[in-house]
């Protein structure tokens, strides 16, 4: 649980530009995951298009990977930026 507090403090100390990019990236990932969830819900109702399942699952995985990547890159970028100054 201590590492969660360390991570929360690290996020609080981010630069404003880094926070802006992180928020936009997470918002993009959220919209992509909502779109993929709606595709999967449509597939659940009408089993007519099996390709819809593959597209929905692929988009869901992609959106989750985008969210994790934005988060990790924001931490790395902020750390590098602090070391350069």
Protein backbone atom coordinates (compact mmCIF):
# COMPACT_ATOMS: atom_id res chain seq x y z
CA UNK A 1 0.00 0.00 0.00
CA UNK A 2 2.97 2.29 0.48
CA UNK A 3 3.76 2.25 -3.22
CA UNK A 4 0.26 3.56 -3.97
CA UNK A 5 0.94 6.62 -1.81
CA UNK A 6 4.30 7.11 -3.50
CA UNK A 7 2.65 6.89 -6.92
CA UNK A 8 -0.11 9.33 -5.89
CA UNK A 9 2.49 11.83 -4.68
CA UNK A 10 4.41 11.40 -7.92
CA UNK A 11 1.30 12.19 -9.95
CA UNK A 12 0.52 15.26 -7.84
CA UNK A 13 3.96 16.67 -8.65
CA UNK A 14 3.60 16.37 -12.43
CA UNK A 15 4.18 19.36 -14.66
CA UNK A 16 1.00 21.06 -15.95
CA UNK A 17 1.73 20.12 -19.56
CA UNK A 18 2.31 16.50 -18.60
CA UNK A 19 -0.98 16.40 -16.70
CA UNK A 20 -2.77 17.97 -19.69
CA UNK A 21 -1.41 15.35 -22.10
CA UNK A 22 -2.13 12.55 -19.61
CA UNK A 23 -5.73 13.68 -19.20
CA UNK A 24 -6.27 13.94 -22.96
CA UNK A 25 -4.73 10.50 -23.51
CA UNK A 26 -6.84 8.88 -20.81
CA UNK A 27 -9.95 10.61 -22.20
CA UNK A 28 -9.16 9.26 -25.67
CA UNK A 29 -8.73 5.78 -24.18
CA UNK A 30 -12.03 6.10 -22.35
CA UNK A 31 -13.92 7.04 -25.51
CA UNK A 32 -12.28 4.23 -27.43
CA UNK A 33 -13.21 1.72 -24.73
CA UNK A 34 -16.79 3.01 -24.62
CA UNK A 35 -17.04 2.61 -28.39
CA UNK A 36 -15.68 -0.93 -28.21
CA UNK A 37 -18.07 -1.75 -25.37
CA UNK A 38 -20.99 -0.52 -27.46
CA UNK A 39 -19.83 -2.74 -30.33
CA UNK A 40 -19.70 -5.70 -27.97
CA UNK A 41 -23.15 -4.87 -26.61
CA UNK A 42 -24.48 -4.72 -30.16
CA UNK A 43 -22.91 -8.11 -30.84
CA UNK A 44 -24.50 -9.49 -27.66
CA UNK A 45 -27.97 -8.50 -28.89
CA UNK A 46 -27.67 -9.55 -32.54
CA UNK A 47 -25.31 -12.49 -33.02
CA UNK A 48 -25.45 -11.82 -36.76
CA UNK A 49 -21.95 -10.37 -37.21
CA UNK A 50 -19.17 -12.48 -35.65
CA UNK A 51 -16.52 -10.05 -36.91
CA UNK A 52 -18.05 -7.48 -34.55
CA UNK A 53 -16.87 -9.50 -31.57
CA UNK A 54 -13.28 -9.57 -32.80
CA UNK A 55 -13.30 -5.87 -33.61
CA UNK A 56 -14.83 -5.01 -30.22
CA UNK A 57 -12.37 -7.10 -28.24
CA UNK A 58 -9.44 -5.76 -30.25
CA UNK A 59 -10.52 -2.17 -29.68
CA UNK A 60 -11.05 -2.81 -25.98
CA UNK A 61 -7.56 -4.28 -25.62
CA UNK A 62 -6.11 -1.41 -27.62
CA UNK A 63 -7.82 1.22 -25.49
CA UNK A 64 -6.58 -0.40 -22.29
CA UNK A 65 -3.05 -0.54 -23.67
CA UNK A 66 -3.29 3.13 -24.70
CA UNK A 67 -4.35 4.08 -21.17
CA UNK A 68 -1.50 2.15 -19.56
CA UNK A 69 0.99 3.48 -22.11
CA UNK A 70 -0.08 7.10 -21.57
CA UNK A 71 0.22 6.65 -17.82
CA UNK A 72 3.66 5.01 -17.92
CA UNK A 73 5.01 7.44 -20.50
CA UNK A 74 3.78 10.40 -18.43
CA UNK A 75 5.68 9.08 -15.41
CA UNK A 76 8.80 8.46 -17.48
CA UNK A 77 8.63 11.80 -19.27
CA UNK A 78 8.15 13.72 -16.04
CA UNK A 79 11.04 11.87 -14.41
CA UNK A 80 13.36 12.63 -17.33
CA UNK A 81 12.23 16.24 -17.38
CA UNK A 82 12.98 16.64 -13.65
CA UNK A 83 16.43 15.10 -14.07
CA UNK A 84 17.34 17.49 -16.89
CA UNK A 85 16.51 20.56 -14.78
